[in-house]
């Protein structure tokens, strides 16, 4: 469930942010903001589905997923293929996210 929640969150966040980018930076119609806001609401809801003991850990691990999703977006939607440094950085961030979320830890608060 956690991986699916992160995938939904990443798609929703990128779509929502792109809607704002399109309006502000590309001169798109302000109507783009309506699905953009709805998408950002979906993003926030999806993060609540992540199986983590505290919100901050779920958000921190999401950062790695977001980086990979952003690179995929850059390639698929913007036509800019990630270079070896993009890929290397993304893999490192995803590894960090996995460590944050999945490594065993004490239950202390």
PDB file of N, CA and C in Angstrom:
ATOM      1  N   UNK A   1       0.820  -1.199   0.000  1.00  0.00           N
ATOM      2  CA  UNK A   1       0.000   0.000   0.000  1.00  0.00           C
ATOM      3  C   UNK A   1       0.865   1.265   0.000  1.00  0.00           C
ATOM      4  N   UNK A   2       1.984   1.213   0.715  1.00  0.00           N
ATOM      5  CA  UNK A   2       2.856   2.382   0.814  1.00  0.00           C
ATOM      6  C   UNK A   2       3.398   2.796  -0.546  1.00  0.00           C
ATOM      7  N   UNK A   3       3.879   1.845  -1.322  1.00  0.00           N
ATOM      8  CA  UNK A   3       4.445   2.178  -2.631  1.00  0.00           C
ATOM      9  C   UNK A   3       3.365   2.757  -3.539  1.00  0.00           C
ATOM     10  N   UNK A   4       2.179   2.158  -3.529  1.00  0.00           N
ATOM     11  CA  UNK A   4       1.073   2.682  -4.332  1.00  0.00           C
ATOM     12  C   UNK A   4       0.705   4.101  -3.888  1.00  0.00           C
ATOM     13  N   UNK A   5       0.653   4.328  -2.580  1.00  0.00           N
ATOM     14  CA  UNK A   5       0.340   5.673  -2.070  1.00  0.00           C
ATOM     15  C   UNK A   5       1.373   6.678  -2.537  1.00  0.00           C
ATOM     16  N   UNK A   6       2.652   6.302  -2.511  1.00  0.00           N
ATOM     17  CA  UNK A   6       3.703   7.200  -2.978  1.00  0.00           C
ATOM     18  C   UNK A   6       3.598   7.472  -4.482  1.00  0.00           C
ATOM     19  N   UNK A   7       3.267   6.464  -5.256  1.00  0.00           N
ATOM     20  CA  UNK A   7       3.125   6.664  -6.709  1.00  0.00           C
ATOM     21  C   UNK A   7       1.963   7.614  -6.997  1.00  0.00           C
ATOM     22  N   UNK A   8       0.827   7.396  -6.342  1.00  0.00           N
ATOM     23  CA  UNK A   8      -0.319   8.291  -6.527  1.00  0.00           C
ATOM     24  C   UNK A   8       0.042   9.702  -6.083  1.00  0.00           C
ATOM     25  N   UNK A   9       0.701   9.821  -4.928  1.00  0.00           N
ATOM     26  CA  UNK A   9       1.090  11.141  -4.423  1.00  0.00           C
ATOM     27  C   UNK A   9       2.014  11.852  -5.405  1.00  0.00           C
ATOM     28  N   UNK A  10       2.981  11.133  -5.947  1.00  0.00           N
ATOM     29  CA  UNK A  10       3.941  11.749  -6.862  1.00  0.00           C
ATOM     30  C   UNK A  10       3.262  12.233  -8.139  1.00  0.00           C
ATOM     31  N   UNK A  11       2.420  11.402  -8.711  1.00  0.00           N
ATOM     32  CA  UNK A  11       1.721  11.806  -9.939  1.00  0.00           C
ATOM     33  C   UNK A  11       0.837  13.012  -9.657  1.00  0.00           C
ATOM     34  N   UNK A  12       0.109  12.971  -8.549  1.00  0.00           N
ATOM     35  CA  UNK A  12      -0.792  14.073  -8.215  1.00  0.00           C
ATOM     36  C   UNK A  12      -0.025  15.356  -7.929  1.00  0.00           C
ATOM     37  N   UNK A  13       1.080  15.263  -7.199  1.00  0.00           N
ATOM     38  CA  UNK A  13       1.837  16.473  -6.876  1.00  0.00           C
ATOM     39  C   UNK A  13       2.456  17.089  -8.131  1.00  0.00           C
ATOM     40  N   UNK A  14       3.048  16.256  -8.949  1.00  0.00           N
ATOM     41  CA  UNK A  14       3.673  16.778 -10.162  1.00  0.00           C
ATOM     42  C   UNK A  14       2.622  17.387 -11.088  1.00  0.00           C
ATOM     43  N   UNK A  15       1.492  16.725 -11.242  1.00  0.00           N
ATOM     44  CA  UNK A  15       0.428  17.269 -12.092  1.00  0.00           C
ATOM     45  C   UNK A  15      -0.078  18.597 -11.535  1.00  0.00           C
ATOM     46  N   UNK A  16      -0.277  18.673 -10.227  1.00  0.00           N
ATOM     47  CA  UNK A  16      -0.742  19.906  -9.614  1.00  0.00           C
ATOM     48  C   UNK A  16       0.260  21.038  -9.748  1.00  0.00           C
ATOM     49  N   UNK A  17       1.516  20.737  -9.484  1.00  0.00           N
ATOM     50  CA  UNK A  17       2.552  21.766  -9.615  1.00  0.00           C
ATOM     51  C   UNK A  17       2.723  22.190 -11.071  1.00  0.00           C
ATOM     52  N   UNK A  18       2.625  21.244 -11.986  1.00  0.00           N
ATOM     53  CA  UNK A  18       2.749  21.597 -13.397  1.00  0.00           C
ATOM     54  C   UNK A  18       1.619  22.525 -13.831  1.00  0.00           C
ATOM     55  N   UNK A  19       0.417  22.316 -13.307  1.00  0.00           N
ATOM     56  CA  UNK A  19      -0.703  23.200 -13.655  1.00  0.00           C
ATOM     57  C   UNK A  19      -0.369  24.639 -13.262  1.00  0.00           C
ATOM     58  N   UNK A  20       0.181  24.826 -12.072  1.00  0.00           N
ATOM     59  CA  UNK A  20       0.573  26.167 -11.642  1.00  0.00           C
ATOM     60  C   UNK A  20       1.720  26.696 -12.496  1.00  0.00           C
ATOM     61  N   UNK A  21       2.687  25.860 -12.788  1.00  0.00           N
ATOM     62  CA  UNK A  21       3.815  26.250 -13.646  1.00  0.00           C
ATOM     63  C   UNK A  21       3.291  26.731 -15.005  1.00  0.00           C
ATOM     64  N   UNK A  22       2.357  25.960 -15.541  1.00  0.00           N
ATOM     65  CA  UNK A  22       1.814  26.279 -16.862  1.00  0.00           C
ATOM     66  C   UNK A  22       1.127  27.648 -16.866  1.00  0.00           C
ATOM     67  N   UNK A  23       0.401  27.956 -15.807  1.00  0.00           N
ATOM     68  CA  UNK A  23      -0.290  29.247 -15.732  1.00  0.00           C
ATOM     69  C   UNK A  23       0.718  30.380 -15.529  1.00  0.00           C
ATOM     70  N   UNK A  24       1.602  30.217 -14.560  1.00  0.00           N
ATOM     71  CA  UNK A  24       2.496  31.311 -14.186  1.00  0.00           C
ATOM     72  C   UNK A  24       3.652  31.488 -15.171  1.00  0.00           C
ATOM     73  N   UNK A  25       4.274  30.403 -15.582  1.00  0.00           N
ATOM     74  CA  UNK A  25       5.483  30.490 -16.398  1.00  0.00           C
ATOM     75  C   UNK A  25       5.228  30.400 -17.894  1.00  0.00           C
ATOM     76  N   UNK A  26       4.128  29.745 -18.282  1.00  0.00           N
ATOM     77  CA  UNK A  26       3.872  29.547 -19.711  1.00  0.00           C
ATOM     78  C   UNK A  26       2.665  30.327 -20.216  1.00  0.00           C
ATOM     79  N   UNK A  27       2.029  31.102 -19.335  1.00  0.00           N
ATOM     80  CA  UNK A  27       0.894  31.909 -19.762  1.00  0.00           C
ATOM     81  C   UNK A  27      -0.372  31.135 -20.039  1.00  0.00           C
ATOM     82  N   UNK A  28      -0.507  29.968 -19.428  1.00  0.00           N
ATOM     83  CA  UNK A  28      -1.700  29.158 -19.639  1.00  0.00           C
ATOM     84  C   UNK A  28      -2.930  29.778 -19.003  1.00  0.00           C
ATOM     85  N   UNK A  29      -4.084  29.288 -19.388  1.00  0.00           N
ATOM     86  CA  UNK A  29      -5.353  29.766 -18.849  1.00  0.00           C
ATOM     87  C   UNK A  29      -5.417  29.511 -17.341  1.00  0.00           C
ATOM     88  N   UNK A  30      -5.941  30.474 -16.586  1.00  0.00           N
ATOM     89  CA  UNK A  30      -6.117  30.258 -15.143  1.00  0.00           C
ATOM     90  C   UNK A  30      -7.022  29.073 -14.815  1.00  0.00           C
ATOM     91  N   UNK A  31      -7.788  28.592 -15.787  1.00  0.00           N
ATOM     92  CA  UNK A  31      -8.632  27.409 -15.550  1.00  0.00           C
ATOM     93  C   UNK A  31      -7.790  26.177 -15.223  1.00  0.00           C
ATOM     94  N   UNK A  32      -6.524  26.186 -15.619  1.00  0.00           N
ATOM     95  CA  UNK A  32      -5.621  25.090 -15.268  1.00  0.00           C
ATOM     96  C   UNK A  32      -5.479  24.960 -13.749  1.00  0.00           C
ATOM     97  N   UNK A  33      -5.736  26.038 -13.015  1.00  0.00           N
ATOM     98  CA  UNK A  33      -5.563  26.006 -11.565  1.00  0.00           C
ATOM     99  C   UNK A  33      -6.600  25.126 -10.880  1.00  0.00           C
ATOM    100  N   UNK A  34      -7.768  24.966 -11.467  1.00  0.00           N
ATOM    101  CA  UNK A  34      -8.805  24.123 -10.848  1.00  0.00           C
ATOM    102  C   UNK A  34      -8.365  22.669 -10.748  1.00  0.00           C
ATOM    103  N   UNK A  35      -7.984  22.022 -11.849  1.00  0.00           N
ATOM    104  CA  UNK A  35      -7.491  20.648 -11.690  1.00  0.00           C
ATOM    105  C   UNK A  35      -6.168  20.610 -10.928  1.00  0.00           C
ATOM    106  N   UNK A  36      -5.393  21.701 -11.003  1.00  0.00           N
ATOM    107  CA  UNK A  36      -4.146  21.745 -10.255  1.00  0.00           C
ATOM    108  C   UNK A  36      -4.376  21.661  -8.753  1.00  0.00           C
ATOM    109  N   UNK A  37      -5.323  22.434  -8.258  1.00  0.00           N
ATOM    110  CA  UNK A  37      -5.642  22.403  -6.829  1.00  0.00           C
ATOM    111  C   UNK A  37      -6.214  21.043  -6.437  1.00  0.00           C
ATOM    112  N   UNK A  38      -7.111  20.502  -7.256  1.00  0.00           N
ATOM    113  CA  UNK A  38      -7.684  19.178  -6.967  1.00  0.00           C
ATOM    114  C   UNK A  38      -6.586  18.117  -6.914  1.00  0.00           C
ATOM    115  N   UNK A  39      -5.635  18.228  -7.804  1.00  0.00           N
ATOM    116  CA  UNK A  39      -4.533  17.280  -7.828  1.00  0.00           C
ATOM    117  C   UNK A  39      -3.671  17.391  -6.566  1.00  0.00           C
ATOM    118  N   UNK A  40      -3.445  18.609  -6.109  1.00  0.00           N
ATOM    119  CA  UNK A  40      -2.650  18.789  -4.891  1.00  0.00           C
ATOM    120  C   UNK A  40      -3.387  18.285  -3.647  1.00  0.00           C
ATOM    121  N   UNK A  41      -4.707  18.374  -3.655  1.00  0.00           N
ATOM    122  CA  UNK A  41      -5.497  17.793  -2.559  1.00  0.00           C
ATOM    123  C   UNK A  41      -5.350  16.265  -2.582  1.00  0.00           C
ATOM    124  N   UNK A  42      -5.430  15.666  -3.765  1.00  0.00           N
ATOM    125  CA  UNK A  42      -5.229  14.222  -3.897  1.00  0.00           C
ATOM    126  C   UNK A  42      -3.839  13.819  -3.410  1.00  0.00           C
ATOM    127  N   UNK A  43      -2.834  14.610  -3.745  1.00  0.00           N
ATOM    128  CA  UNK A  43      -1.470  14.366  -3.276  1.00  0.00           C
ATOM    129  C   UNK A  43      -1.425  14.295  -1.750  1.00  0.00           C
ATOM    130  N   UNK A  44      -1.980  15.293  -1.085  1.00  0.00           N
ATOM    131  CA  UNK A  44      -1.943  15.336   0.378  1.00  0.00           C
ATOM    132  C   UNK A  44      -2.686  14.143   0.980  1.00  0.00           C
ATOM    133  N   UNK A  45      -3.819  13.790   0.404  1.00  0.00           N
ATOM    134  CA  UNK A  45      -4.587  12.646   0.900  1.00  0.00           C
ATOM    135  C   UNK A  45      -3.791  11.351   0.730  1.00  0.00           C
ATOM    136  N   UNK A  46      -3.151  11.186  -0.425  1.00  0.00           N
ATOM    137  CA  UNK A  46      -2.396   9.956  -0.682  1.00  0.00           C
ATOM    138  C   UNK A  46      -1.291   9.761   0.345  1.00  0.00           C
ATOM    139  N   UNK A  47      -0.640  10.849   0.768  1.00  0.00           N
ATOM    140  CA  UNK A  47       0.422  10.704   1.764  1.00  0.00           C
ATOM    141  C   UNK A  47      -0.105  10.217   3.106  1.00  0.00           C
ATOM    142  N   UNK A  48      -1.387  10.447   3.396  1.00  0.00           N
ATOM    143  CA  UNK A  48      -1.940   9.946   4.656  1.00  0.00           C
ATOM    144  C   UNK A  48      -2.089   8.428   4.643  1.00  0.00           C
ATOM    145  N   UNK A  49      -1.999   7.817   3.475  1.00  0.00           N
ATOM    146  CA  UNK A  49      -2.138   6.363   3.355  1.00  0.00           C
ATOM    147  C   UNK A  49      -0.822   5.618   3.559  1.00  0.00           C
ATOM    148  N   UNK A  50       0.275   6.339   3.656  1.00  0.00           N
ATOM    149  CA  UNK A  50       1.586   5.719   3.819  1.00  0.00           C
ATOM    150  C   UNK A  50       1.687   5.091   5.204  1.00  0.00           C
ATOM    151  N   UNK A  51       2.185   3.864   5.237  1.00  0.00           N
ATOM    152  CA  UNK A  51       2.333   3.147   6.496  1.00  0.00           C
ATOM    153  C   UNK A  51       3.645   3.549   7.149  1.00  0.00           C
ATOM    154  N   UNK A  52       3.584   4.584   7.974  1.00  0.00           N
ATOM    155  CA  UNK A  52       4.755   5.069   8.703  1.00  0.00           C
ATOM    156  C   UNK A  52       4.291   5.455  10.097  1.00  0.00           C
ATOM    157  N   UNK A  53       5.214   5.368  11.054  1.00  0.00           N
ATOM    158  CA  UNK A  53       4.848   5.646  12.442  1.00  0.00           C
ATOM    159  C   UNK A  53       4.608   7.129  12.700  1.00  0.00           C
ATOM    160  N   UNK A  54       5.243   8.008  11.928  1.00  0.00           N
ATOM    161  CA  UNK A  54       5.065   9.453  12.086  1.00  0.00           C
ATOM    162  C   UNK A  54       5.027  10.116  10.716  1.00  0.00           C
ATOM    163  N   UNK A  55       4.339  11.229  10.645  1.00  0.00           N
ATOM    164  CA  UNK A  55       4.168  11.927   9.365  1.00  0.00           C
ATOM    165  C   UNK A  55       5.501  12.378   8.780  1.00  0.00           C
ATOM    166  N   UNK A  56       6.376  12.912   9.611  1.00  0.00           N
ATOM    167  CA  UNK A  56       7.652  13.420   9.111  1.00  0.00           C
ATOM    168  C   UNK A  56       8.467  12.364   8.391  1.00  0.00           C
ATOM    169  N   UNK A  57       8.428  11.141   8.882  1.00  0.00           N
ATOM    170  CA  UNK A  57       9.160  10.048   8.231  1.00  0.00           C
ATOM    171  C   UNK A  57       8.527   9.723   6.886  1.00  0.00           C
ATOM    172  N   UNK A  58       7.217   9.707   6.827  1.00  0.00           N
ATOM    173  CA  UNK A  58       6.530   9.451   5.560  1.00  0.00           C
ATOM    174  C   UNK A  58       6.857  10.540   4.548  1.00  0.00           C
ATOM    175  N   UNK A  59       6.883  11.792   4.997  1.00  0.00           N
ATOM    176  CA  UNK A  59       7.176  12.912   4.105  1.00  0.00           C
ATOM    177  C   UNK A  59       8.629  12.879   3.646  1.00  0.00           C
ATOM    178  N   UNK A  60       9.547  12.566   4.560  1.00  0.00           N
ATOM    179  CA  UNK A  60      10.970  12.521   4.205  1.00  0.00           C
ATOM    180  C   UNK A  60      11.246  11.433   3.176  1.00  0.00           C
ATOM    181  N   UNK A  61      10.684  10.262   3.380  1.00  0.00           N
ATOM    182  CA  UNK A  61      10.891   9.171   2.429  1.00  0.00           C
ATOM    183  C   UNK A  61      10.248   9.497   1.090  1.00  0.00           C
ATOM    184  N   UNK A  62       9.147  10.210   1.108  1.00  0.00           N
ATOM    185  CA  UNK A  62       8.486  10.600  -0.128  1.00  0.00           C
ATOM    186  C   UNK A  62       9.395  11.450  -1.011  1.00  0.00           C
ATOM    187  N   UNK A  63      10.281  12.206  -0.400  1.00  0.00           N
ATOM    188  CA  UNK A  63      11.188  13.055  -1.162  1.00  0.00           C
ATOM    189  C   UNK A  63      11.947  12.289  -2.231  1.00  0.00           C
ATOM    190  N   UNK A  64      12.437  11.104  -1.907  1.00  0.00           N
ATOM    191  CA  UNK A  64      13.153  10.281  -2.885  1.00  0.00           C
ATOM    192  C   UNK A  64      12.257   9.829  -4.020  1.00  0.00           C
ATOM    193  N   UNK A  65      11.037   9.459  -3.683  1.00  0.00           N
ATOM    194  CA  UNK A  65      10.074   9.039  -4.702  1.00  0.00           C
ATOM    195  C   UNK A  65       9.747  10.214  -5.617  1.00  0.00           C
ATOM    196  N   UNK A  66       9.582  11.386  -5.038  1.00  0.00           N
ATOM    197  CA  UNK A  66       9.261  12.575  -5.815  1.00  0.00           C
ATOM    198  C   UNK A  66      10.373  12.908  -6.806  1.00  0.00           C
ATOM    199  N   UNK A  67      11.607  12.752  -6.391  1.00  0.00           N
ATOM    200  CA  UNK A  67      12.733  13.041  -7.282  1.00  0.00           C
ATOM    201  C   UNK A  67      12.705  12.117  -8.492  1.00  0.00           C
ATOM    202  N   UNK A  68      12.510  10.835  -8.272  1.00  0.00           N
ATOM    203  CA  UNK A  68      12.436   9.884  -9.390  1.00  0.00           C
ATOM    204  C   UNK A  68      11.248  10.225 -10.296  1.00  0.00           C
ATOM    205  N   UNK A  69      10.092  10.484  -9.692  1.00  0.00           N
ATOM    206  CA  UNK A  69       8.902  10.816 -10.484  1.00  0.00           C
ATOM    207  C   UNK A  69       9.122  12.099 -11.294  1.00  0.00           C
ATOM    208  N   UNK A  70       9.820  13.060 -10.728  1.00  0.00           N
ATOM    209  CA  UNK A  70      10.100  14.304 -11.449  1.00  0.00           C
ATOM    210  C   UNK A  70      10.990  14.064 -12.651  1.00  0.00           C
ATOM    211  N   UNK A  71      11.951  13.174 -12.507  1.00  0.00           N
ATOM    212  CA  UNK A  71      12.826  12.843 -13.636  1.00  0.00           C
ATOM    213  C   UNK A  71      12.051  12.110 -14.725  1.00  0.00           C
ATOM    214  N   UNK A  72      11.154  11.231 -14.326  1.00  0.00           N
ATOM    215  CA  UNK A  72      10.304  10.541 -15.306  1.00  0.00           C
ATOM    216  C   UNK A  72       9.409  11.562 -16.008  1.00  0.00           C
ATOM    217  N   UNK A  73       8.841  12.504 -15.260  1.00  0.00           N
ATOM    218  CA  UNK A  73       8.015  13.561 -15.850  1.00  0.00           C
ATOM    219  C   UNK A  73       8.821  14.374 -16.859  1.00  0.00           C
ATOM    220  N   UNK A  74      10.034  14.748 -16.455  1.00  0.00           N
ATOM    221  CA  UNK A  74      10.898  15.542 -17.322  1.00  0.00           C
ATOM    222  C   UNK A  74      11.085  14.850 -18.671  1.00  0.00           C
ATOM    223  N   UNK A  75      11.246  13.539 -18.623  1.00  0.00           N
ATOM    224  CA  UNK A  75      11.478  12.766 -19.843  1.00  0.00           C
ATOM    225  C   UNK A  75      10.172  12.575 -20.623  1.00  0.00           C
ATOM    226  N   UNK A  76       9.127  12.104 -19.934  1.00  0.00           N
ATOM    227  CA  UNK A  76       7.886  11.744 -20.615  1.00  0.00           C
ATOM    228  C   UNK A  76       7.074  12.961 -21.071  1.00  0.00           C
ATOM    229  N   UNK A  77       6.980  13.976 -20.237  1.00  0.00           N
ATOM    230  CA  UNK A  77       6.105  15.104 -20.551  1.00  0.00           C
ATOM    231  C   UNK A  77       6.838  16.276 -21.185  1.00  0.00           C
ATOM    232  N   UNK A  78       8.124  16.433 -20.846  1.00  0.00           N
ATOM    233  CA  UNK A  78       8.853  17.596 -21.347  1.00  0.00           C
ATOM    234  C   UNK A  78       9.892  17.248 -22.410  1.00  0.00           C
ATOM    235  N   UNK A  79      10.070  15.955 -22.659  1.00  0.00           N
ATOM    236  CA  UNK A  79      10.964  15.527 -23.723  1.00  0.00           C
ATOM    237  C   UNK A  79      12.447  15.681 -23.437  1.00  0.00           C
ATOM    238  N   UNK A  80      12.818  15.888 -22.179  1.00  0.00           N
ATOM    239  CA  UNK A  80      14.223  16.029 -21.814  1.00  0.00           C
ATOM    240  C   UNK A  80      14.667  14.749 -21.099  1.00  0.00           C
ATOM    241  N   UNK A  81      15.503  13.994 -21.769  1.00  0.00           N
ATOM    242  CA  UNK A  81      15.971  12.730 -21.208  1.00  0.00           C
ATOM    243  C   UNK A  81      16.938  12.985 -20.055  1.00  0.00           C
ATOM    244  N   UNK A  82      16.727  12.307 -18.917  1.00  0.00           N
ATOM    245  CA  UNK A  82      17.658  12.465 -17.793  1.00  0.00           C
ATOM    246  C   UNK A  82      19.067  12.002 -18.187  1.00  0.00           C
ATOM    247  N   UNK A  83      20.062  12.733 -17.731  1.00  0.00           N
ATOM    248  CA  UNK A  83      21.430  12.321 -18.015  1.00  0.00           C
ATOM    249  C   UNK A  83      21.936  11.412 -16.885  1.00  0.00           C
ATOM    250  N   UNK A  84      23.169  10.980 -16.997  1.00  0.00           N
ATOM    251  CA  UNK A  84      23.698  10.022 -16.004  1.00  0.00           C
ATOM    252  C   UNK A  84      23.723  10.612 -14.608  1.00  0.00           C
ATOM    253  N   UNK A  85      23.884  11.931 -14.487  1.00  0.00           N
ATOM    254  CA  UNK A  85      23.918  12.552 -13.162  1.00  0.00           C
ATOM    255  C   UNK A  85      22.517  12.645 -12.568  1.00  0.00           C
ATOM    256  N   UNK A  86      21.530  12.888 -13.411  1.00  0.00           N
ATOM    257  CA  UNK A  86      20.145  12.854 -12.940  1.00  0.00           C
ATOM    258  C   UNK A  86      19.812  11.465 -12.400  1.00  0.00           C
ATOM    259  N   UNK A  87      20.171  10.455 -13.175  1.00  0.00           N
ATOM    260  CA  UNK A  87      19.868   9.071 -12.788  1.00  0.00           C
ATOM    261  C   UNK A  87      20.635   8.679 -11.532  1.00  0.00           C
ATOM    262  N   UNK A  88      21.907   9.011 -11.475  1.00  0.00           N
ATOM    263  CA  UNK A  88      22.720   8.679 -10.295  1.00  0.00           C
ATOM    264  C   UNK A  88      22.148   9.353  -9.050  1.00  0.00           C
ATOM    265  N   UNK A  89      21.844  10.636  -9.145  1.00  0.00           N
ATOM    266  CA  UNK A  89      21.269  11.349  -8.008  1.00  0.00           C
ATOM    267  C   UNK A  89      19.930  10.777  -7.593  1.00  0.00           C
ATOM    268  N   UNK A  90      19.094  10.434  -8.575  1.00  0.00           N
ATOM    269  CA  UNK A  90      17.794   9.853  -8.273  1.00  0.00           C
ATOM    270  C   UNK A  90      17.894   8.525  -7.556  1.00  0.00           C
ATOM    271  N   UNK A  91      18.813   7.674  -8.004  1.00  0.00           N
ATOM    272  CA  UNK A  91      19.004   6.370  -7.352  1.00  0.00           C
ATOM    273  C   UNK A  91      19.481   6.551  -5.915  1.00  0.00           C
ATOM    274  N   UNK A  92      20.405   7.475  -5.706  1.00  0.00           N
ATOM    275  CA  UNK A  92      20.894   7.740  -4.350  1.00  0.00           C
ATOM    276  C   UNK A  92      19.746   8.222  -3.453  1.00  0.00           C
ATOM    277  N   UNK A  93      18.926   9.130  -3.969  1.00  0.00           N
ATOM    278  CA  UNK A  93      17.796   9.639  -3.187  1.00  0.00           C
ATOM    279  C   UNK A  93      16.773   8.548  -2.886  1.00  0.00           C
ATOM    280  N   UNK A  94      16.507   7.691  -3.863  1.00  0.00           N
ATOM    281  CA  UNK A  94      15.565   6.600  -3.643  1.00  0.00           C
ATOM    282  C   UNK A  94      16.095   5.617  -2.612  1.00  0.00           C
ATOM    283  N   UNK A  95      17.391   5.348  -2.641  1.00  0.00           N
ATOM    284  CA  UNK A  95      17.999   4.482  -1.621  1.00  0.00           C
ATOM    285  C   UNK A  95      17.846   5.118  -0.235  1.00  0.00           C
ATOM    286  N   UNK A  96      18.062   6.416  -0.151  1.00  0.00           N
ATOM    287  CA  UNK A  96      17.880   7.113   1.121  1.00  0.00           C
ATOM    288  C   UNK A  96      16.447   7.025   1.614  1.00  0.00           C
ATOM    289  N   UNK A  97      15.502   7.173   0.699  1.00  0.00           N
ATOM    290  CA  UNK A  97      14.092   7.070   1.062  1.00  0.00           C
ATOM    291  C   UNK A  97      13.772   5.685   1.609  1.00  0.00           C
ATOM    292  N   UNK A  98      14.305   4.651   0.974  1.00  0.00           N
ATOM    293  CA  UNK A  98      14.067   3.275   1.439  1.00  0.00           C
ATOM    294  C   UNK A  98      14.651   3.064   2.833  1.00  0.00           C
ATOM    295  N   UNK A  99      15.832   3.607   3.078  1.00  0.00           N
ATOM    296  CA  UNK A  99      16.446   3.485   4.407  1.00  0.00           C
ATOM    297  C   UNK A  99      15.564   4.173   5.451  1.00  0.00           C
ATOM    298  N   UNK A 100      15.112   5.379   5.147  1.00  0.00           N
ATOM    299  CA  UNK A 100      14.277   6.126   6.094  1.00  0.00           C
ATOM    300  C   UNK A 100      12.994   5.363   6.419  1.00  0.00           C
ATOM    301  N   UNK A 101      12.367   4.798   5.419  1.00  0.00           N
ATOM    302  CA  UNK A 101      11.045   4.210   5.616  1.00  0.00           C
ATOM    303  C   UNK A 101      11.066   2.771   6.085  1.00  0.00           C
ATOM    304  N   UNK A 102      11.998   1.969   5.578  1.00  0.00           N
ATOM    305  CA  UNK A 102      11.899   0.532   5.782  1.00  0.00           C
ATOM    306  C   UNK A 102      12.884  -0.099   6.767  1.00  0.00           C
ATOM    307  N   UNK A 103      13.876   0.624   7.234  1.00  0.00           N
ATOM    308  CA  UNK A 103      14.836   0.018   8.152  1.00  0.00           C
ATOM    309  C   UNK A 103      14.207  -0.137   9.540  1.00  0.00           C
ATOM    310  N   UNK A 104      14.557  -1.239  10.217  1.00  0.00           N
ATOM    311  CA  UNK A 104      14.001  -1.454  11.547  1.00  0.00           C
ATOM    312  C   UNK A 104      14.527  -0.404  12.534  1.00  0.00           C
ATOM    313  N   UNK A 105      13.696  -0.045  13.466  1.00  0.00           N
ATOM    314  CA  UNK A 105      14.086   0.930  14.479  1.00  0.00           C
ATOM    315  C   UNK A 105      13.330   0.665  15.758  1.00  0.00           C
ATOM    316  N   UNK A 106      13.831   1.227  16.830  1.00  0.00           N
ATOM    317  CA  UNK A 106      13.168   1.084  18.142  1.00  0.00           C
ATOM    318  C   UNK A 106      11.849   1.857  18.101  1.00  0.00           C
ATOM    319  N   UNK A 107      10.940   1.482  18.966  1.00  0.00           N
ATOM    320  CA  UNK A 107       9.633   2.114  19.017  1.00  0.00           C
ATOM    321  C   UNK A 107       9.611   3.360  19.902  1.00  0.00           C
ATOM    322  N   UNK A 108      10.757   3.808  20.360  1.00  0.00           N
ATOM    323  CA  UNK A 108      10.814   4.992  21.230  1.00  0.00           C
ATOM    324  C   UNK A 108      10.307   6.222  20.512  1.00  0.00           C
ATOM    325  N   UNK A 109       9.722   7.117  21.259  1.00  0.00           N
ATOM    326  CA  UNK A 109       9.185   8.355  20.673  1.00  0.00           C
ATOM    327  C   UNK A 109       9.995   9.528  21.100  1.00  0.00           C
TER     328      UNK A 109
END
